[in-house]
Amino acid sequence: MSIHLVPKETLGQKTFTGHEVLADLQARSLRYAKLQRALILGNAYHHKVRIVYQLQNGDVEQVETTVWEADDYYISLKGGQVIPVKSISSVEF
């Protein structure tokens, strides 16, 4: 299965999954740690990361962008786009 890279500007038109995509508690903890690292890299160095997420229809996509804010529920990206944390399956540096 190929995962399509999409422009961050299209995220506002997406409907993200309503359920948690990571079943394992350890995987969720690792995702949280990676999002915190992405936040530091984004704010301090304007470093982009690749975020893989799932949509409500089951499609999996990825976006390459800078993370500006992150909490337990959402991340905010450069350009004002947001992604629910529970729909993110991986963060790649």
PDB file of N, CA and C in Angstrom:
ATOM      1  N   MET A   1       0.841  -1.174   0.000  1.00  0.00           N
ATOM      2  CA  MET A   1       0.000   0.000   0.000  1.00  0.00           C
ATOM      3  C   MET A   1       0.886   1.237   0.000  1.00  0.00           C
ATOM      4  N   SER A   2       0.640   2.143  -0.929  1.00  0.00           N
ATOM      5  CA  SER A   2       1.419   3.375  -0.958  1.00  0.00           C
ATOM      6  C   SER A   2       0.670   4.455  -0.192  1.00  0.00           C
ATOM      7  N   ILE A   3       1.433   5.271   0.498  1.00  0.00           N
ATOM      8  CA  ILE A   3       0.867   6.367   1.278  1.00  0.00           C
ATOM      9  C   ILE A   3       1.172   7.657   0.534  1.00  0.00           C
ATOM     10  N   HIS A   4       0.126   8.358   0.149  1.00  0.00           N
ATOM     11  CA  HIS A   4       0.289   9.570  -0.638  1.00  0.00           C
ATOM     12  C   HIS A   4       0.699  10.751   0.222  1.00  0.00           C
ATOM     13  N   LEU A   5       1.666  11.517  -0.281  1.00  0.00           N
ATOM     14  CA  LEU A   5       2.105  12.751   0.353  1.00  0.00           C
ATOM     15  C   LEU A   5       1.180  13.860  -0.139  1.00  0.00           C
ATOM     16  N   VAL A   6       0.542  14.566   0.784  1.00  0.00           N
ATOM     17  CA  VAL A   6      -0.391  15.622   0.402  1.00  0.00           C
ATOM     18  C   VAL A   6       0.108  16.968   0.909  1.00  0.00           C
ATOM     19  N   PRO A   7      -0.262  18.055   0.233  1.00  0.00           N
ATOM     20  CA  PRO A   7       0.118  19.383   0.719  1.00  0.00           C
ATOM     21  C   PRO A   7      -0.631  19.719   2.013  1.00  0.00           C
ATOM     22  N   LYS A   8       0.031  20.398   2.944  1.00  0.00           N
ATOM     23  CA  LYS A   8      -0.596  20.712   4.224  1.00  0.00           C
ATOM     24  C   LYS A   8      -1.817  21.617   4.051  1.00  0.00           C
ATOM     25  N   GLU A   9      -1.863  22.359   2.980  1.00  0.00           N
ATOM     26  CA  GLU A   9      -2.981  23.268   2.743  1.00  0.00           C
ATOM     27  C   GLU A   9      -4.307  22.526   2.519  1.00  0.00           C
ATOM     28  N   THR A  10      -4.239  21.240   2.179  1.00  0.00           N
ATOM     29  CA  THR A  10      -5.462  20.466   1.938  1.00  0.00           C
ATOM     30  C   THR A  10      -6.023  19.829   3.207  1.00  0.00           C
ATOM     31  N   LEU A  11      -5.316  19.922   4.327  1.00  0.00           N
ATOM     32  CA  LEU A  11      -5.747  19.252   5.556  1.00  0.00           C
ATOM     33  C   LEU A  11      -7.086  19.762   6.062  1.00  0.00           C
ATOM     34  N   GLY A  12      -7.413  21.007   5.834  1.00  0.00           N
ATOM     35  CA  GLY A  12      -8.687  21.569   6.272  1.00  0.00           C
ATOM     36  C   GLY A  12      -9.882  20.933   5.580  1.00  0.00           C
ATOM     37  N   GLN A  13      -9.646  20.271   4.466  1.00  0.00           N
ATOM     38  CA  GLN A  13     -10.712  19.616   3.708  1.00  0.00           C
ATOM     39  C   GLN A  13     -10.853  18.141   4.073  1.00  0.00           C
ATOM     40  N   LYS A  14     -10.013  17.650   4.966  1.00  0.00           N
ATOM     41  CA  LYS A  14      -9.991  16.228   5.329  1.00  0.00           C
ATOM     42  C   LYS A  14     -10.875  15.965   6.544  1.00  0.00           C
ATOM     43  N   THR A  15     -11.419  14.752   6.605  1.00  0.00           N
ATOM     44  CA  THR A  15     -12.139  14.285   7.790  1.00  0.00           C
ATOM     45  C   THR A  15     -11.328  13.151   8.389  1.00  0.00           C
ATOM     46  N   PHE A  16     -10.752  13.415   9.549  1.00  0.00           N
ATOM     47  CA  PHE A  16      -9.866  12.456  10.192  1.00  0.00           C
ATOM     48  C   PHE A  16     -10.675  11.391  10.921  1.00  0.00           C
ATOM     49  N   THR A  17     -10.048  10.249  11.138  1.00  0.00           N
ATOM     50  CA  THR A  17     -10.716   9.156  11.827  1.00  0.00           C
ATOM     51  C   THR A  17     -11.137   9.588  13.234  1.00  0.00           C
ATOM     52  N   GLY A  18     -12.219   9.018  13.706  1.00  0.00           N
ATOM     53  CA  GLY A  18     -12.718   9.349  15.025  1.00  0.00           C
ATOM     54  C   GLY A  18     -12.236   8.397  16.106  1.00  0.00           C
ATOM     55  N   HIS A  19     -11.465   7.401  15.728  1.00  0.00           N
ATOM     56  CA  HIS A  19     -10.983   6.433  16.715  1.00  0.00           C
ATOM     57  C   HIS A  19      -9.456   6.468  16.805  1.00  0.00           C
ATOM     58  N   GLU A  20      -8.939   5.911  17.865  1.00  0.00           N
ATOM     59  CA  GLU A  20      -7.498   5.828  18.084  1.00  0.00           C
ATOM     60  C   GLU A  20      -6.898   4.815  17.111  1.00  0.00           C
ATOM     61  N   VAL A  21      -5.873   5.225  16.356  1.00  0.00           N
ATOM     62  CA  VAL A  21      -5.270   4.336  15.355  1.00  0.00           C
ATOM     63  C   VAL A  21      -4.188   3.434  15.938  1.00  0.00           C
ATOM     64  N   LEU A  22      -3.694   3.751  17.130  1.00  0.00           N
ATOM     65  CA  LEU A  22      -2.665   2.933  17.775  1.00  0.00           C
ATOM     66  C   LEU A  22      -3.284   2.196  18.957  1.00  0.00           C
ATOM     67  N   ALA A  23      -3.343   0.882  18.875  1.00  0.00           N
ATOM     68  CA  ALA A  23      -3.962   0.076  19.928  1.00  0.00           C
ATOM     69  C   ALA A  23      -3.038  -0.104  21.133  1.00  0.00           C
ATOM     70  N   ASP A  24      -1.751  -0.087  20.898  1.00  0.00           N
ATOM     71  CA  ASP A  24      -0.758  -0.369  21.934  1.00  0.00           C
ATOM     72  C   ASP A  24      -0.422   0.895  22.730  1.00  0.00           C
ATOM     73  N   LEU A  25      -0.469   0.802  24.047  1.00  0.00           N
ATOM     74  CA  LEU A  25      -0.167   1.928  24.919  1.00  0.00           C
ATOM     75  C   LEU A  25       1.270   2.406  24.757  1.00  0.00           C
ATOM     76  N   GLN A  26       2.196   1.486  24.555  1.00  0.00           N
ATOM     77  CA  GLN A  26       3.599   1.858  24.357  1.00  0.00           C
ATOM     78  C   GLN A  26       3.768   2.643  23.049  1.00  0.00           C
ATOM     79  N   ALA A  27       3.056   2.243  22.001  1.00  0.00           N
ATOM     80  CA  ALA A  27       3.120   2.967  20.727  1.00  0.00           C
ATOM     81  C   ALA A  27       2.566   4.383  20.877  1.00  0.00           C
ATOM     82  N   ARG A  28       1.526   4.548  21.678  1.00  0.00           N
ATOM     83  CA  ARG A  28       0.962   5.877  21.919  1.00  0.00           C
ATOM     84  C   ARG A  28       1.956   6.759  22.671  1.00  0.00           C
ATOM     85  N   SER A  29       2.658   6.180  23.636  1.00  0.00           N
ATOM     86  CA  SER A  29       3.664   6.932  24.383  1.00  0.00           C
ATOM     87  C   SER A  29       4.808   7.365  23.472  1.00  0.00           C
ATOM     88  N   LEU A  30       5.227   6.481  22.590  1.00  0.00           N
ATOM     89  CA  LEU A  30       6.286   6.815  21.637  1.00  0.00           C
ATOM     90  C   LEU A  30       5.820   7.918  20.688  1.00  0.00           C
ATOM     91  N   ARG A  31       4.561   7.833  20.220  1.00  0.00           N
ATOM     92  CA  ARG A  31       4.018   8.879  19.346  1.00  0.00           C
ATOM     93  C   ARG A  31       4.038  10.221  20.060  1.00  0.00           C
ATOM     94  N   TYR A  32       3.613  10.243  21.326  1.00  0.00           N
ATOM     95  CA  TYR A  32       3.599  11.484  22.100  1.00  0.00           C
ATOM     96  C   TYR A  32       5.017  12.061  22.217  1.00  0.00           C
ATOM     97  N   ALA A  33       5.985  11.211  22.509  1.00  0.00           N
ATOM     98  CA  ALA A  33       7.378  11.668  22.626  1.00  0.00           C
ATOM     99  C   ALA A  33       7.882  12.225  21.292  1.00  0.00           C
ATOM    100  N   LYS A  34       7.543  11.560  20.204  1.00  0.00           N
ATOM    101  CA  LYS A  34       7.978  12.041  18.883  1.00  0.00           C
ATOM    102  C   LYS A  34       7.309  13.359  18.536  1.00  0.00           C
ATOM    103  N   LEU A  35       6.044  13.527  18.907  1.00  0.00           N
ATOM    104  CA  LEU A  35       5.367  14.799  18.645  1.00  0.00           C
ATOM    105  C   LEU A  35       5.993  15.928  19.460  1.00  0.00           C
ATOM    106  N   GLN A  36       6.407  15.640  20.683  1.00  0.00           N
ATOM    107  CA  GLN A  36       7.076  16.654  21.491  1.00  0.00           C
ATOM    108  C   GLN A  36       8.429  17.024  20.883  1.00  0.00           C
ATOM    109  N   ARG A  37       9.141  16.030  20.366  1.00  0.00           N
ATOM    110  CA  ARG A  37      10.422  16.309  19.689  1.00  0.00           C
ATOM    111  C   ARG A  37      10.180  17.121  18.418  1.00  0.00           C
ATOM    112  N   ALA A  38       9.133  16.769  17.660  1.00  0.00           N
ATOM    113  CA  ALA A  38       8.789  17.509  16.443  1.00  0.00           C
ATOM    114  C   ALA A  38       8.442  18.953  16.769  1.00  0.00           C
ATOM    115  N   LEU A  39       7.773  19.168  17.903  1.00  0.00           N
ATOM    116  CA  LEU A  39       7.425  20.518  18.349  1.00  0.00           C
ATOM    117  C   LEU A  39       8.686  21.338  18.616  1.00  0.00           C
ATOM    118  N   ILE A  40       9.634  20.749  19.320  1.00  0.00           N
ATOM    119  CA  ILE A  40      10.890  21.446  19.613  1.00  0.00           C
ATOM    120  C   ILE A  40      11.655  21.744  18.320  1.00  0.00           C
ATOM    121  N   LEU A  41      11.741  20.753  17.446  1.00  0.00           N
ATOM    122  CA  LEU A  41      12.448  20.963  16.172  1.00  0.00           C
ATOM    123  C   LEU A  41      11.759  22.029  15.321  1.00  0.00           C
ATOM    124  N   GLY A  42      10.436  22.042  15.349  1.00  0.00           N
ATOM    125  CA  GLY A  42       9.689  23.021  14.559  1.00  0.00           C
ATOM    126  C   GLY A  42       9.855  24.435  15.071  1.00  0.00           C
ATOM    127  N   ASN A  43       9.754  24.603  16.378  1.00  0.00           N
ATOM    128  CA  ASN A  43       9.837  25.948  16.946  1.00  0.00           C
ATOM    129  C   ASN A  43      11.259  26.486  16.981  1.00  0.00           C
ATOM    130  N   ALA A  44      12.217  25.640  17.299  1.00  0.00           N
ATOM    131  CA  ALA A  44      13.596  26.105  17.427  1.00  0.00           C
ATOM    132  C   ALA A  44      14.333  26.188  16.097  1.00  0.00           C
ATOM    133  N   TYR A  45      14.061  25.225  15.208  1.00  0.00           N
ATOM    134  CA  TYR A  45      14.863  25.121  13.984  1.00  0.00           C
ATOM    135  C   TYR A  45      14.051  25.156  12.697  1.00  0.00           C
ATOM    136  N   HIS A  46      12.722  25.284  12.806  1.00  0.00           N
ATOM    137  CA  HIS A  46      11.829  25.258  11.636  1.00  0.00           C
ATOM    138  C   HIS A  46      12.024  23.988  10.816  1.00  0.00           C
ATOM    139  N   HIS A  47      12.325  22.904  11.525  1.00  0.00           N
ATOM    140  CA  HIS A  47      12.576  21.605  10.905  1.00  0.00           C
ATOM    141  C   HIS A  47      11.251  20.911  10.576  1.00  0.00           C
ATOM    142  N   LYS A  48      11.145  20.391   9.369  1.00  0.00           N
ATOM    143  CA  LYS A  48       9.930  19.686   8.952  1.00  0.00           C
ATOM    144  C   LYS A  48      10.002  18.215   9.338  1.00  0.00           C
ATOM    145  N   VAL A  49       8.832  17.646   9.619  1.00  0.00           N
ATOM    146  CA  VAL A  49       8.699  16.221   9.896  1.00  0.00           C
ATOM    147  C   VAL A  49       7.614  15.663   8.976  1.00  0.00           C
ATOM    148  N   ARG A  50       7.627  14.352   8.844  1.00  0.00           N
ATOM    149  CA  ARG A  50       6.616  13.679   8.045  1.00  0.00           C
ATOM    150  C   ARG A  50       5.638  12.994   9.000  1.00  0.00           C
ATOM    151  N   ILE A  51       4.358  13.336   8.873  1.00  0.00           N
ATOM    152  CA  ILE A  51       3.318  12.807   9.741  1.00  0.00           C
ATOM    153  C   ILE A  51       2.383  11.932   8.919  1.00  0.00           C
ATOM    154  N   VAL A  52       2.212  10.686   9.367  1.00  0.00           N
ATOM    155  CA  VAL A  52       1.307   9.743   8.703  1.00  0.00           C
ATOM    156  C   VAL A  52       0.039   9.669   9.546  1.00  0.00           C
ATOM    157  N   TYR A  53      -1.120   9.805   8.903  1.00  0.00           N
ATOM    158  CA  TYR A  53      -2.390   9.843   9.609  1.00  0.00           C
ATOM    159  C   TYR A  53      -3.458   9.071   8.836  1.00  0.00           C
ATOM    160  N   GLN A  54      -4.551   8.765   9.526  1.00  0.00           N
ATOM    161  CA  GLN A  54      -5.651   8.011   8.913  1.00  0.00           C
ATOM    162  C   GLN A  54      -6.891   8.894   8.825  1.00  0.00           C
ATOM    163  N   LEU A  55      -7.587   8.777   7.705  1.00  0.00           N
ATOM    164  CA  LEU A  55      -8.829   9.504   7.494  1.00  0.00           C
ATOM    165  C   LEU A  55     -10.022   8.655   7.920  1.00  0.00           C
ATOM    166  N   GLN A  56     -11.166   9.289   8.019  1.00  0.00           N
ATOM    167  CA  GLN A  56     -12.377   8.594   8.447  1.00  0.00           C
ATOM    168  C   GLN A  56     -12.745   7.446   7.506  1.00  0.00           C
ATOM    169  N   ASN A  57     -12.468   7.597   6.213  1.00  0.00           N
ATOM    170  CA  ASN A  57     -12.802   6.554   5.242  1.00  0.00           C
ATOM    171  C   ASN A  57     -11.779   5.413   5.216  1.00  0.00           C
ATOM    172  N   GLY A  58     -10.758   5.489   6.085  1.00  0.00           N
ATOM    173  CA  GLY A  58      -9.743   4.435   6.172  1.00  0.00           C
ATOM    174  C   GLY A  58      -8.492   4.704   5.373  1.00  0.00           C
ATOM    175  N   ASP A  59      -8.506   5.698   4.500  1.00  0.00           N
ATOM    176  CA  ASP A  59      -7.309   6.041   3.732  1.00  0.00           C
ATOM    177  C   ASP A  59      -6.205   6.524   4.671  1.00  0.00           C
ATOM    178  N   VAL A  60      -4.970   6.243   4.281  1.00  0.00           N
ATOM    179  CA  VAL A  60      -3.807   6.695   5.041  1.00  0.00           C
ATOM    180  C   VAL A  60      -3.032   7.654   4.149  1.00  0.00           C
ATOM    181  N   GLU A  61      -2.703   8.818   4.704  1.00  0.00           N
ATOM    182  CA  GLU A  61      -1.961   9.841   3.965  1.00  0.00           C
ATOM    183  C   GLU A  61      -0.819  10.345   4.846  1.00  0.00           C
ATOM    184  N   GLN A  62       0.042  11.149   4.230  1.00  0.00           N
ATOM    185  CA  GLN A  62       1.124  11.772   4.989  1.00  0.00           C
ATOM    186  C   GLN A  62       1.315  13.203   4.534  1.00  0.00           C
ATOM    187  N   VAL A  63       1.836  13.998   5.441  1.00  0.00           N
ATOM    188  CA  VAL A  63       2.115  15.396   5.163  1.00  0.00           C
ATOM    189  C   VAL A  63       3.488  15.713   5.723  1.00  0.00           C
ATOM    190  N   GLU A  64       4.224  16.548   5.010  1.00  0.00           N
ATOM    191  CA  GLU A  64       5.534  17.001   5.479  1.00  0.00           C
ATOM    192  C   GLU A  64       5.402  18.468   5.841  1.00  0.00           C
ATOM    193  N   THR A  65       5.628  18.774   7.116  1.00  0.00           N
ATOM    194  CA  THR A  65       5.376  20.130   7.594  1.00  0.00           C
ATOM    195  C   THR A  65       6.099  20.396   8.903  1.00  0.00           C
ATOM    196  N   THR A  66       5.950  21.604   9.403  1.00  0.00           N
ATOM    197  CA  THR A  66       6.517  22.015  10.673  1.00  0.00           C
ATOM    198  C   THR A  66       5.426  21.984  11.731  1.00  0.00           C
ATOM    199  N   VAL A  67       5.711  21.380  12.876  1.00  0.00           N
ATOM    200  CA  VAL A  67       4.765  21.338  13.988  1.00  0.00           C
ATOM    201  C   VAL A  67       4.995  22.571  14.862  1.00  0.00           C
ATOM    202  N   TRP A  68       3.935  23.369  15.067  1.00  0.00           N
ATOM    203  CA  TRP A  68       4.050  24.587  15.865  1.00  0.00           C
ATOM    204  C   TRP A  68       3.550  24.391  17.291  1.00  0.00           C
ATOM    205  N   GLU A  69       2.504  23.579  17.476  1.00  0.00           N
ATOM    206  CA  GLU A  69       1.956  23.327  18.803  1.00  0.00           C
ATOM    207  C   GLU A  69       1.520  21.874  18.884  1.00  0.00           C
ATOM    208  N   ALA A  70       1.555  21.311  20.092  1.00  0.00           N
ATOM    209  CA  ALA A  70       1.108  19.939  20.300  1.00  0.00           C
ATOM    210  C   ALA A  70       0.621  19.786  21.734  1.00  0.00           C
ATOM    211  N   ASP A  71      -0.547  19.136  21.878  1.00  0.00           N
ATOM    212  CA  ASP A  71      -1.018  18.775  23.211  1.00  0.00           C
ATOM    213  C   ASP A  71      -1.517  17.337  23.149  1.00  0.00           C
ATOM    214  N   ASP A  72      -2.279  16.915  24.137  1.00  0.00           N
ATOM    215  CA  ASP A  72      -2.736  15.523  24.177  1.00  0.00           C
ATOM    216  C   ASP A  72      -3.767  15.193  23.100  1.00  0.00           C
ATOM    217  N   TYR A  73      -4.386  16.224  22.510  1.00  0.00           N
ATOM    218  CA  TYR A  73      -5.502  15.981  21.597  1.00  0.00           C
ATOM    219  C   TYR A  73      -5.259  16.399  20.147  1.00  0.00           C
ATOM    220  N   TYR A  74      -4.540  17.481  19.943  1.00  0.00           N
ATOM    221  CA  TYR A  74      -4.327  18.005  18.592  1.00  0.00           C
ATOM    222  C   TYR A  74      -2.895  18.497  18.420  1.00  0.00           C
ATOM    223  N   ILE A  75      -2.462  18.523  17.156  1.00  0.00           N
ATOM    224  CA  ILE A  75      -1.234  19.234  16.816  1.00  0.00           C
ATOM    225  C   ILE A  75      -1.615  20.350  15.855  1.00  0.00           C
ATOM    226  N   SER A  76      -0.912  21.440  15.939  1.00  0.00           N
ATOM    227  CA  SER A  76      -1.120  22.575  15.055  1.00  0.00           C
ATOM    228  C   SER A  76       0.122  22.703  14.180  1.00  0.00           C
ATOM    229  N   LEU A  77      -0.117  22.853  12.897  1.00  0.00           N
ATOM    230  CA  LEU A  77       0.969  22.895  11.928  1.00  0.00           C
ATOM    231  C   LEU A  77       1.164  24.305  11.396  1.00  0.00           C
ATOM    232  N   LYS A  78       2.292  24.519  10.766  1.00  0.00           N
ATOM    233  CA  LYS A  78       2.542  25.780  10.095  1.00  0.00           C
ATOM    234  C   LYS A  78       1.409  26.004   9.102  1.00  0.00           C
ATOM    235  N   GLY A  79       0.852  27.191   9.112  1.00  0.00           N
ATOM    236  CA  GLY A  79      -0.257  27.492   8.220  1.00  0.00           C
ATOM    237  C   GLY A  79      -1.609  27.362   8.901  1.00  0.00           C
ATOM    238  N   GLY A  80      -1.621  27.004  10.203  1.00  0.00           N
ATOM    239  CA  GLY A  80      -2.859  26.955  10.951  1.00  0.00           C
ATOM    240  C   GLY A  80      -3.668  25.678  10.831  1.00  0.00           C
ATOM    241  N   GLN A  81      -3.152  24.669  10.173  1.00  0.00           N
ATOM    242  CA  GLN A  81      -3.859  23.397  10.045  1.00  0.00           C
ATOM    243  C   GLN A  81      -3.714  22.591  11.329  1.00  0.00           C
ATOM    244  N   VAL A  82      -4.717  21.749  11.631  1.00  0.00           N
ATOM    245  CA  VAL A  82      -4.658  20.898  12.818  1.00  0.00           C
ATOM    246  C   VAL A  82      -4.945  19.447  12.440  1.00  0.00           C
ATOM    247  N   ILE A  83      -4.358  18.542  13.218  1.00  0.00           N
ATOM    248  CA  ILE A  83      -4.588  17.107  13.054  1.00  0.00           C
ATOM    249  C   ILE A  83      -4.844  16.535  14.449  1.00  0.00           C
ATOM    250  N   PRO A  84      -5.915  15.742  14.609  1.00  0.00           N
ATOM    251  CA  PRO A  84      -6.124  15.083  15.900  1.00  0.00           C
ATOM    252  C   PRO A  84      -5.023  14.061  16.168  1.00  0.00           C
ATOM    253  N   VAL A  85      -4.481  14.054  17.368  1.00  0.00           N
ATOM    254  CA  VAL A  85      -3.383  13.153  17.711  1.00  0.00           C
ATOM    255  C   VAL A  85      -3.804  11.690  17.528  1.00  0.00           C
ATOM    256  N   LYS A  86      -5.026  11.339  17.894  1.00  0.00           N
ATOM    257  CA  LYS A  86      -5.458   9.945  17.813  1.00  0.00           C
ATOM    258  C   LYS A  86      -5.496   9.400  16.377  1.00  0.00           C
ATOM    259  N   SER A  87      -5.477  10.271  15.369  1.00  0.00           N
ATOM    260  CA  SER A  87      -5.472   9.813  13.981  1.00  0.00           C
ATOM    261  C   SER A  87      -4.051   9.647  13.417  1.00  0.00           C
ATOM    262  N   ILE A  88      -3.021  10.035  14.187  1.00  0.00           N
ATOM    263  CA  ILE A  88      -1.628   9.966  13.729  1.00  0.00           C
ATOM    264  C   ILE A  88      -1.045   8.593  14.053  1.00  0.00           C
ATOM    265  N   SER A  89      -0.553   7.923  13.014  1.00  0.00           N
ATOM    266  CA  SER A  89       0.037   6.610  13.224  1.00  0.00           C
ATOM    267  C   SER A  89       1.553   6.656  13.351  1.00  0.00           C
ATOM    268  N   SER A  90       2.205   7.682  12.747  1.00  0.00           N
ATOM    269  CA  SER A  90       3.659   7.787  12.901  1.00  0.00           C
ATOM    270  C   SER A  90       4.151   9.191  12.637  1.00  0.00           C
ATOM    271  N   VAL A  91       5.305   9.482  13.215  1.00  0.00           N
ATOM    272  CA  VAL A  91       6.005  10.746  13.034  1.00  0.00           C
ATOM    273  C   VAL A  91       7.429  10.393  12.641  1.00  0.00           C
ATOM    274  N   GLU A  92       7.870  10.895  11.486  1.00  0.00           N
ATOM    275  CA  GLU A  92       9.191  10.566  10.976  1.00  0.00           C
ATOM    276  C   GLU A  92      10.010  11.842  10.832  1.00  0.00           C
ATOM    277  N   PHE A  93      11.282  11.760  11.276  1.00  0.00           N
ATOM    278  CA  PHE A  93      12.173  12.927  11.225  1.00  0.00           C
ATOM    279  C   PHE A  93      13.065  12.878  10.017  1.00  0.00           C
TER     280      PHE A  93
END
